[in-house]
Amino acid sequence: MFNFFILIFMKRILFIFFIIIFSSAVWAESYNVHKLKDFNTKINAPEEKILFILDFSNSMTEEIGGEKKIDLMLKTMEQILPTIDKKTSVGLRVYGHRMGFTQYDACKASTLLVPISPSGSFQIQSKLAKTHPRGMTPITYSLKKAVESDFFGFPGTKHIILLTDGGENCDESPCTWAMELIKTRKDIKIDVIAFNIFDKDDLDQLQCTALVTAGKFHKANTAAELVKSMQNSLNPHKKVEAKIIPNP
């Protein structure tokens, strides 16, 4: 009789031991799967790509407080470029840097000077120093080229930081274009820095371009405000919900 109880007891011990081993194996497998999933997510998660689109139209030769706007922009870029993470892919497109023989040609004066790459921020400053303000303000054309060409093949969020000292003057509407864009593209975010702009229609167009793409809109009228606006655009932790502000 005693042996019978010993046998029952041993069977229960073995059963409990088996349950513990089985549960541990299942937990370990589940843990490893989740860890592998998290690892793959981190490896495969595409980082944000940044493209600066900067104004080199003729009006950038005008002065603010005794200093040319172009010089204030160059100083700002010189200050903020070293703060960008070296692993971040950055590029540079400029517009208005040539006049053109016709208005049509001037409205196509937009060039990708630095292709988007992790080493882009190191190349941007030298390219800017060799570029001079001359022509018109083809904002919409520049945005189109950025989306269609400059970001082609890149996964993840594409972040445009557009700095301009005036509105579109090539018979296009960046606001209308942006509203059409978001119908098919959710990966483009446009921040707009309106530098020393006071025309209400121009401001409305630029603000619309930023907000409908869930970007940020800044007005900068001084050197300090320009630096702050650029720093805020490079801060990935501040989110803005897309919305359209109707004209009163």
C-alpha atoms as a PDB file:
ATOM      1  CA  MET A   1       0.000   0.000   0.000  1.00  0.00           C
ATOM      2  CA  PHE A   2       2.810   2.324   0.917  1.00  0.00           C
ATOM      3  CA  ASN A   3       4.524   1.601  -2.403  1.00  0.00           C
ATOM      4  CA  PHE A   4       1.286   2.469  -4.208  1.00  0.00           C
ATOM      5  CA  PHE A   5       1.205   5.955  -2.659  1.00  0.00           C
ATOM      6  CA  ILE A   6       4.890   6.425  -3.447  1.00  0.00           C
ATOM      7  CA  LEU A   7       4.190   5.549  -7.082  1.00  0.00           C
ATOM      8  CA  ILE A   8       1.269   8.015  -7.281  1.00  0.00           C
ATOM      9  CA  PHE A   9       3.378  10.715  -5.656  1.00  0.00           C
ATOM     10  CA  MET A  10       6.266  10.161  -8.083  1.00  0.00           C
ATOM     11  CA  LYS A  11       3.901  10.298 -11.079  1.00  0.00           C
ATOM     12  CA  ARG A  12       2.528  13.666  -9.861  1.00  0.00           C
ATOM     13  CA  ILE A  13       6.046  14.985  -9.370  1.00  0.00           C
ATOM     14  CA  LEU A  14       7.003  13.913 -12.891  1.00  0.00           C
ATOM     15  CA  PHE A  15       3.819  15.464 -14.294  1.00  0.00           C
ATOM     16  CA  ILE A  16       4.475  18.790 -12.553  1.00  0.00           C
ATOM     17  CA  PHE A  17       8.116  18.702 -13.713  1.00  0.00           C
ATOM     18  CA  PHE A  18       6.960  18.070 -17.301  1.00  0.00           C
ATOM     19  CA  ILE A  19       4.506  21.004 -17.127  1.00  0.00           C
ATOM     20  CA  ILE A  20       7.260  23.307 -15.833  1.00  0.00           C
ATOM     21  CA  ILE A  21       9.689  22.266 -18.590  1.00  0.00           C
ATOM     22  CA  PHE A  22       7.035  22.602 -21.305  1.00  0.00           C
ATOM     23  CA  SER A  23       5.882  26.005 -20.068  1.00  0.00           C
ATOM     24  CA  SER A  24       9.472  27.250 -19.906  1.00  0.00           C
ATOM     25  CA  ALA A  25      10.109  26.141 -23.482  1.00  0.00           C
ATOM     26  CA  VAL A  26       6.942  27.828 -24.736  1.00  0.00           C
ATOM     27  CA  TRP A  27       7.776  31.050 -22.877  1.00  0.00           C
ATOM     28  CA  ALA A  28      11.345  31.032 -24.176  1.00  0.00           C
ATOM     29  CA  GLU A  29      10.190  30.551 -27.748  1.00  0.00           C
ATOM     30  CA  SER A  30       7.603  33.321 -27.404  1.00  0.00           C
ATOM     31  CA  TYR A  31      10.188  35.632 -25.838  1.00  0.00           C
ATOM     32  CA  ASN A  32      12.696  34.959 -28.610  1.00  0.00           C
ATOM     33  CA  VAL A  33      10.069  35.557 -31.307  1.00  0.00           C
ATOM     34  CA  HIS A  34       9.121  38.910 -29.791  1.00  0.00           C
ATOM     35  CA  LYS A  35      12.759  39.888 -29.344  1.00  0.00           C
ATOM     36  CA  LEU A  36      13.481  38.948 -32.949  1.00  0.00           C
ATOM     37  CA  LYS A  37      10.434  40.921 -34.077  1.00  0.00           C
ATOM     38  CA  ASP A  38      11.542  43.973 -32.098  1.00  0.00           C
ATOM     39  CA  PHE A  39      15.071  43.606 -33.457  1.00  0.00           C
ATOM     40  CA  ASN A  40      13.854  43.364 -37.044  1.00  0.00           C
ATOM     41  CA  THR A  41      11.558  46.332 -36.499  1.00  0.00           C
ATOM     42  CA  LYS A  42      14.478  48.436 -35.309  1.00  0.00           C
ATOM     43  CA  ILE A  43      16.703  47.291 -38.156  1.00  0.00           C
ATOM     44  CA  ASN A  44      14.082  47.696 -40.855  1.00  0.00           C
ATOM     45  CA  ALA A  45      12.460  50.885 -39.546  1.00  0.00           C
ATOM     46  CA  PRO A  46      13.387  53.557 -42.126  1.00  0.00           C
ATOM     47  CA  GLU A  47      14.763  56.775 -40.707  1.00  0.00           C
ATOM     48  CA  GLU A  48      13.432  60.167 -41.694  1.00  0.00           C
ATOM     49  CA  LYS A  49      15.094  61.718 -44.744  1.00  0.00           C
ATOM     50  CA  ILE A  50      15.562  65.498 -44.721  1.00  0.00           C
ATOM     51  CA  LEU A  51      15.770  67.770 -47.746  1.00  0.00           C
ATOM     52  CA  PHE A  52      16.450  71.486 -47.364  1.00  0.00           C
ATOM     53  CA  ILE A  53      14.929  73.617 -50.121  1.00  0.00           C
ATOM     54  CA  LEU A  54      16.468  77.077 -49.834  1.00  0.00           C
ATOM     55  CA  ASP A  55      15.628  80.380 -51.495  1.00  0.00           C
ATOM     56  CA  PHE A  56      18.295  81.979 -53.696  1.00  0.00           C
ATOM     57  CA  SER A  57      15.955  84.363 -55.490  1.00  0.00           C
ATOM     58  CA  ASN A  58      17.074  87.938 -56.122  1.00  0.00           C
ATOM     59  CA  SER A  59      15.092  89.305 -53.143  1.00  0.00           C
ATOM     60  CA  MET A  60      17.455  87.455 -50.794  1.00  0.00           C
ATOM     61  CA  THR A  61      19.969  90.255 -51.481  1.00  0.00           C
ATOM     62  CA  GLU A  62      17.733  92.667 -49.542  1.00  0.00           C
ATOM     63  CA  GLU A  63      18.846  93.665 -46.056  1.00  0.00           C
ATOM     64  CA  ILE A  64      17.422  93.172 -42.573  1.00  0.00           C
ATOM     65  CA  GLY A  65      19.047  95.296 -39.895  1.00  0.00           C
ATOM     66  CA  GLY A  66      21.978  96.125 -42.141  1.00  0.00           C
ATOM     67  CA  GLU A  67      22.688  92.524 -43.149  1.00  0.00           C
ATOM     68  CA  LYS A  68      21.634  90.729 -46.316  1.00  0.00           C
ATOM     69  CA  LYS A  69      19.017  88.038 -45.940  1.00  0.00           C
ATOM     70  CA  ILE A  70      21.204  85.599 -47.833  1.00  0.00           C
ATOM     71  CA  ASP A  71      23.986  86.073 -45.289  1.00  0.00           C
ATOM     72  CA  LEU A  72      21.590  85.516 -42.405  1.00  0.00           C
ATOM     73  CA  MET A  73      20.404  82.297 -44.024  1.00  0.00           C
ATOM     74  CA  LEU A  74      23.970  81.079 -44.591  1.00  0.00           C
ATOM     75  CA  LYS A  75      24.917  81.820 -40.978  1.00  0.00           C
ATOM     76  CA  THR A  76      21.847  79.959 -39.777  1.00  0.00           C
ATOM     77  CA  MET A  77      22.726  76.905 -41.846  1.00  0.00           C
ATOM     78  CA  GLU A  78      26.303  77.042 -40.600  1.00  0.00           C
ATOM     79  CA  GLN A  79      24.964  76.982 -37.049  1.00  0.00           C
ATOM     80  CA  ILE A  80      22.400  74.200 -37.369  1.00  0.00           C
ATOM     81  CA  LEU A  81      24.108  71.759 -39.759  1.00  0.00           C
ATOM     82  CA  PRO A  82      26.599  70.468 -37.153  1.00  0.00           C
ATOM     83  CA  THR A  83      23.687  69.667 -34.807  1.00  0.00           C
ATOM     84  CA  ILE A  84      22.170  67.116 -37.218  1.00  0.00           C
ATOM     85  CA  ASP A  85      22.869  63.497 -36.339  1.00  0.00           C
ATOM     86  CA  LYS A  86      25.614  62.143 -38.592  1.00  0.00           C
ATOM     87  CA  LYS A  87      23.489  59.090 -39.398  1.00  0.00           C
ATOM     88  CA  THR A  88      20.600  61.206 -40.689  1.00  0.00           C
ATOM     89  CA  SER A  89      20.277  61.351 -44.453  1.00  0.00           C
ATOM     90  CA  VAL A  90      20.224  64.987 -45.577  1.00  0.00           C
ATOM     91  CA  GLY A  91      20.163  66.743 -48.937  1.00  0.00           C
ATOM     92  CA  LEU A  92      19.993  70.248 -50.413  1.00  0.00           C
ATOM     93  CA  ARG A  93      17.948  71.731 -53.249  1.00  0.00           C
ATOM     94  CA  VAL A  94      18.110  75.435 -54.120  1.00  0.00           C
ATOM     95  CA  TYR A  95      16.002  77.618 -56.403  1.00  0.00           C
ATOM     96  CA  GLY A  96      16.301  81.078 -57.937  1.00  0.00           C
ATOM     97  CA  HIS A  97      20.081  80.725 -58.243  1.00  0.00           C
ATOM     98  CA  ARG A  98      20.023  81.595 -61.953  1.00  0.00           C
ATOM     99  CA  MET A  99      17.947  84.051 -63.971  1.00  0.00           C
ATOM    100  CA  GLY A 100      17.319  82.232 -67.259  1.00  0.00           C
ATOM    101  CA  PHE A 101      16.879  83.717 -70.730  1.00  0.00           C
ATOM    102  CA  THR A 102      13.080  83.529 -70.477  1.00  0.00           C
ATOM    103  CA  GLN A 103      10.558  83.479 -67.655  1.00  0.00           C
ATOM    104  CA  TYR A 104       9.881  79.819 -68.416  1.00  0.00           C
ATOM    105  CA  ASP A 105      13.558  79.029 -67.945  1.00  0.00           C
ATOM    106  CA  ALA A 106      13.756  81.148 -64.775  1.00  0.00           C
ATOM    107  CA  CYS A 107      10.790  79.236 -63.345  1.00  0.00           C
ATOM    108  CA  LYS A 108      12.745  75.995 -63.802  1.00  0.00           C
ATOM    109  CA  ALA A 109      15.751  77.318 -61.886  1.00  0.00           C
ATOM    110  CA  SER A 110      15.801  74.624 -59.228  1.00  0.00           C
ATOM    111  CA  THR A 111      18.743  72.293 -58.653  1.00  0.00           C
ATOM    112  CA  LEU A 112      19.567  69.430 -56.317  1.00  0.00           C
ATOM    113  CA  LEU A 113      23.034  70.480 -55.149  1.00  0.00           C
ATOM    114  CA  VAL A 114      23.525  67.746 -52.547  1.00  0.00           C
ATOM    115  CA  PRO A 115      21.779  64.372 -53.001  1.00  0.00           C
ATOM    116  CA  ILE A 116      20.170  62.922 -49.881  1.00  0.00           C
ATOM    117  CA  SER A 117      22.747  60.853 -47.990  1.00  0.00           C
ATOM    118  CA  PRO A 118      24.099  60.330 -44.444  1.00  0.00           C
ATOM    119  CA  SER A 119      27.072  62.548 -45.290  1.00  0.00           C
ATOM    120  CA  GLY A 120      24.916  65.244 -46.847  1.00  0.00           C
ATOM    121  CA  SER A 121      25.192  67.760 -44.013  1.00  0.00           C
ATOM    122  CA  PHE A 122      28.972  67.912 -44.475  1.00  0.00           C
ATOM    123  CA  GLN A 123      28.630  68.846 -48.140  1.00  0.00           C
ATOM    124  CA  ILE A 124      25.834  71.383 -47.841  1.00  0.00           C
ATOM    125  CA  GLN A 125      27.813  74.274 -46.354  1.00  0.00           C
ATOM    126  CA  SER A 126      30.466  74.271 -49.094  1.00  0.00           C
ATOM    127  CA  LYS A 127      27.791  74.149 -51.801  1.00  0.00           C
ATOM    128  CA  LEU A 128      25.886  77.036 -50.244  1.00  0.00           C
ATOM    129  CA  ALA A 129      28.994  79.214 -50.145  1.00  0.00           C
ATOM    130  CA  LYS A 130      29.332  78.885 -53.929  1.00  0.00           C
ATOM    131  CA  THR A 131      25.677  79.697 -54.700  1.00  0.00           C
ATOM    132  CA  HIS A 132      24.339  83.223 -55.234  1.00  0.00           C
ATOM    133  CA  PRO A 133      20.817  84.748 -55.333  1.00  0.00           C
ATOM    134  CA  ARG A 134      19.751  85.874 -58.799  1.00  0.00           C
ATOM    135  CA  GLY A 135      16.344  84.861 -60.084  1.00  0.00           C
ATOM    136  CA  MET A 136      12.703  84.073 -59.357  1.00  0.00           C
ATOM    137  CA  THR A 137      10.816  81.947 -56.803  1.00  0.00           C
ATOM    138  CA  PRO A 138       9.717  78.616 -58.315  1.00  0.00           C
ATOM    139  CA  ILE A 139       8.520  77.054 -55.051  1.00  0.00           C
ATOM    140  CA  THR A 140       5.962  74.617 -56.464  1.00  0.00           C
ATOM    141  CA  TYR A 141       8.306  73.366 -59.176  1.00  0.00           C
ATOM    142  CA  SER A 142      10.996  72.761 -56.541  1.00  0.00           C
ATOM    143  CA  LEU A 143       8.584  70.801 -54.338  1.00  0.00           C
ATOM    144  CA  LYS A 144       7.509  68.705 -57.307  1.00  0.00           C
ATOM    145  CA  LYS A 145      11.110  67.860 -58.188  1.00  0.00           C
ATOM    146  CA  ALA A 146      11.838  66.980 -54.581  1.00  0.00           C
ATOM    147  CA  VAL A 147       8.965  64.508 -54.364  1.00  0.00           C
ATOM    148  CA  GLU A 148       9.325  63.035 -57.852  1.00  0.00           C
ATOM    149  CA  SER A 149      13.122  62.850 -58.086  1.00  0.00           C
ATOM    150  CA  ASP A 150      15.094  63.686 -54.951  1.00  0.00           C
ATOM    151  CA  PHE A 151      13.244  61.258 -52.653  1.00  0.00           C
ATOM    152  CA  PHE A 152      12.771  58.568 -55.293  1.00  0.00           C
ATOM    153  CA  GLY A 153      13.466  55.096 -53.904  1.00  0.00           C
ATOM    154  CA  PHE A 154      13.674  56.191 -50.264  1.00  0.00           C
ATOM    155  CA  PRO A 155      11.349  54.477 -47.750  1.00  0.00           C
ATOM    156  CA  GLY A 156       9.850  56.110 -44.677  1.00  0.00           C
ATOM    157  CA  THR A 157       9.007  59.739 -43.961  1.00  0.00           C
ATOM    158  CA  LYS A 158      10.347  62.373 -46.334  1.00  0.00           C
ATOM    159  CA  HIS A 159      10.841  65.685 -44.549  1.00  0.00           C
ATOM    160  CA  ILE A 160      11.178  68.884 -46.566  1.00  0.00           C
ATOM    161  CA  ILE A 161      12.324  72.085 -44.879  1.00  0.00           C
ATOM    162  CA  LEU A 162      11.474  74.954 -47.221  1.00  0.00           C
ATOM    163  CA  LEU A 163      12.892  78.403 -46.499  1.00  0.00           C
ATOM    164  CA  THR A 164      11.617  81.287 -48.616  1.00  0.00           C
ATOM    165  CA  ASP A 165      11.481  85.060 -48.378  1.00  0.00           C
ATOM    166  CA  GLY A 166       8.534  85.352 -50.741  1.00  0.00           C
ATOM    167  CA  GLY A 167       5.580  83.595 -52.269  1.00  0.00           C
ATOM    168  CA  GLU A 168       5.386  81.645 -55.501  1.00  0.00           C
ATOM    169  CA  ASN A 169       5.843  83.894 -58.535  1.00  0.00           C
ATOM    170  CA  CYS A 170       5.756  81.316 -61.330  1.00  0.00           C
ATOM    171  CA  ASP A 171       1.978  81.057 -61.808  1.00  0.00           C
ATOM    172  CA  GLU A 172       1.571  77.973 -59.630  1.00  0.00           C
ATOM    173  CA  SER A 173       0.069  77.367 -56.205  1.00  0.00           C
ATOM    174  CA  PRO A 174       2.069  75.331 -53.680  1.00  0.00           C
ATOM    175  CA  CYS A 175      -1.079  75.033 -51.544  1.00  0.00           C
ATOM    176  CA  THR A 176      -3.147  73.527 -54.365  1.00  0.00           C
ATOM    177  CA  TRP A 177      -0.301  71.181 -55.258  1.00  0.00           C
ATOM    178  CA  ALA A 178       0.075  70.070 -51.612  1.00  0.00           C
ATOM    179  CA  MET A 179      -3.645  69.353 -51.287  1.00  0.00           C
ATOM    180  CA  GLU A 180      -3.472  67.143 -54.376  1.00  0.00           C
ATOM    181  CA  LEU A 181      -0.309  65.469 -53.093  1.00  0.00           C
ATOM    182  CA  ILE A 182      -1.785  64.260 -49.813  1.00  0.00           C
ATOM    183  CA  LYS A 183      -4.561  62.425 -51.661  1.00  0.00           C
ATOM    184  CA  THR A 184      -2.003  59.820 -52.733  1.00  0.00           C
ATOM    185  CA  ARG A 185       1.056  60.406 -50.557  1.00  0.00           C
ATOM    186  CA  LYS A 186       1.142  60.268 -46.759  1.00  0.00           C
ATOM    187  CA  ASP A 187       4.928  60.052 -46.454  1.00  0.00           C
ATOM    188  CA  ILE A 188       5.739  63.682 -47.330  1.00  0.00           C
ATOM    189  CA  LYS A 189       5.983  66.305 -44.586  1.00  0.00           C
ATOM    190  CA  ILE A 190       6.746  69.924 -45.494  1.00  0.00           C
ATOM    191  CA  ASP A 191       7.925  72.501 -42.979  1.00  0.00           C
ATOM    192  CA  VAL A 192       7.857  76.073 -44.255  1.00  0.00           C
ATOM    193  CA  ILE A 193       9.892  78.957 -42.875  1.00  0.00           C
ATOM    194  CA  ALA A 194       8.492  82.260 -44.150  1.00  0.00           C
ATOM    195  CA  PHE A 195      11.459  84.597 -43.854  1.00  0.00           C
ATOM    196  CA  ASN A 196      10.564  88.292 -43.674  1.00  0.00           C
ATOM    197  CA  ILE A 197       7.267  87.849 -45.556  1.00  0.00           C
ATOM    198  CA  PHE A 198       4.340  90.186 -44.856  1.00  0.00           C
ATOM    199  CA  ASP A 199       2.046  89.657 -47.838  1.00  0.00           C
ATOM    200  CA  LYS A 200      -1.096  87.913 -46.526  1.00  0.00           C
ATOM    201  CA  ASP A 201      -1.795  85.907 -49.676  1.00  0.00           C
ATOM    202  CA  ASP A 202       1.773  84.622 -49.769  1.00  0.00           C
ATOM    203  CA  LEU A 203       1.630  83.676 -46.090  1.00  0.00           C
ATOM    204  CA  ASP A 204      -1.700  81.900 -46.534  1.00  0.00           C
ATOM    205  CA  GLN A 205      -0.339  79.861 -49.432  1.00  0.00           C
ATOM    206  CA  LEU A 206       2.790  78.870 -47.528  1.00  0.00           C
ATOM    207  CA  GLN A 207       0.935  78.080 -44.315  1.00  0.00           C
ATOM    208  CA  CYS A 208      -1.485  75.863 -46.219  1.00  0.00           C
ATOM    209  CA  THR A 209       1.430  74.028 -47.871  1.00  0.00           C
ATOM    210  CA  ALA A 210       2.877  73.160 -44.477  1.00  0.00           C
ATOM    211  CA  LEU A 211      -0.252  72.328 -42.521  1.00  0.00           C
ATOM    212  CA  VAL A 212      -1.974  70.069 -45.050  1.00  0.00           C
ATOM    213  CA  THR A 213       1.128  67.853 -45.088  1.00  0.00           C
ATOM    214  CA  ALA A 214       1.259  67.773 -41.255  1.00  0.00           C
ATOM    215  CA  GLY A 215       4.291  70.035 -41.337  1.00  0.00           C
ATOM    216  CA  LYS A 216       5.218  73.091 -39.293  1.00  0.00           C
ATOM    217  CA  PHE A 217       4.823  76.689 -40.358  1.00  0.00           C
ATOM    218  CA  HIS A 218       7.150  79.377 -39.012  1.00  0.00           C
ATOM    219  CA  LYS A 219       7.362  83.113 -39.540  1.00  0.00           C
ATOM    220  CA  ALA A 220      10.845  84.540 -39.013  1.00  0.00           C
ATOM    221  CA  ASN A 221      11.632  88.240 -39.259  1.00  0.00           C
ATOM    222  CA  THR A 222      14.975  88.371 -37.422  1.00  0.00           C
ATOM    223  CA  ALA A 223      18.185  86.364 -37.387  1.00  0.00           C
ATOM    224  CA  ALA A 224      17.301  84.868 -33.995  1.00  0.00           C
ATOM    225  CA  GLU A 225      13.825  83.856 -35.175  1.00  0.00           C
ATOM    226  CA  LEU A 226      15.321  82.270 -38.265  1.00  0.00           C
ATOM    227  CA  VAL A 227      17.649  80.092 -36.176  1.00  0.00           C
ATOM    228  CA  LYS A 228      14.844  79.142 -33.802  1.00  0.00           C
ATOM    229  CA  SER A 229      12.519  78.227 -36.684  1.00  0.00           C
ATOM    230  CA  MET A 230      15.139  75.997 -38.254  1.00  0.00           C
ATOM    231  CA  GLN A 231      15.873  74.313 -34.926  1.00  0.00           C
ATOM    232  CA  ASN A 232      12.157  73.671 -34.350  1.00  0.00           C
ATOM    233  CA  SER A 233      11.821  72.097 -37.783  1.00  0.00           C
ATOM    234  CA  LEU A 234      14.674  69.733 -37.008  1.00  0.00           C
ATOM    235  CA  ASN A 235      13.087  68.692 -33.698  1.00  0.00           C
ATOM    236  CA  PRO A 236      11.314  65.374 -34.413  1.00  0.00           C
ATOM    237  CA  HIS A 237       9.428  65.303 -31.106  1.00  0.00           C
ATOM    238  CA  LYS A 238       7.027  68.145 -31.844  1.00  0.00           C
ATOM    239  CA  LYS A 239       4.040  66.899 -33.848  1.00  0.00           C
ATOM    240  CA  VAL A 240       1.535  69.017 -35.774  1.00  0.00           C
ATOM    241  CA  GLU A 241      -1.844  67.766 -36.968  1.00  0.00           C
ATOM    242  CA  ALA A 242      -2.749  68.486 -40.570  1.00  0.00           C
ATOM    243  CA  LYS A 243      -5.436  71.096 -41.061  1.00  0.00           C
ATOM    244  CA  ILE A 244      -6.470  73.768 -43.537  1.00  0.00           C
ATOM    245  CA  ILE A 245      -7.067  77.264 -42.240  1.00  0.00           C
ATOM    246  CA  PRO A 246      -9.771  78.943 -44.353  1.00  0.00           C
ATOM    247  CA  ASN A 247      -9.419  82.529 -45.450  1.00  0.00           C
ATOM    248  CA  PRO A 248     -11.591  84.923 -43.426  1.00  0.00           C
END
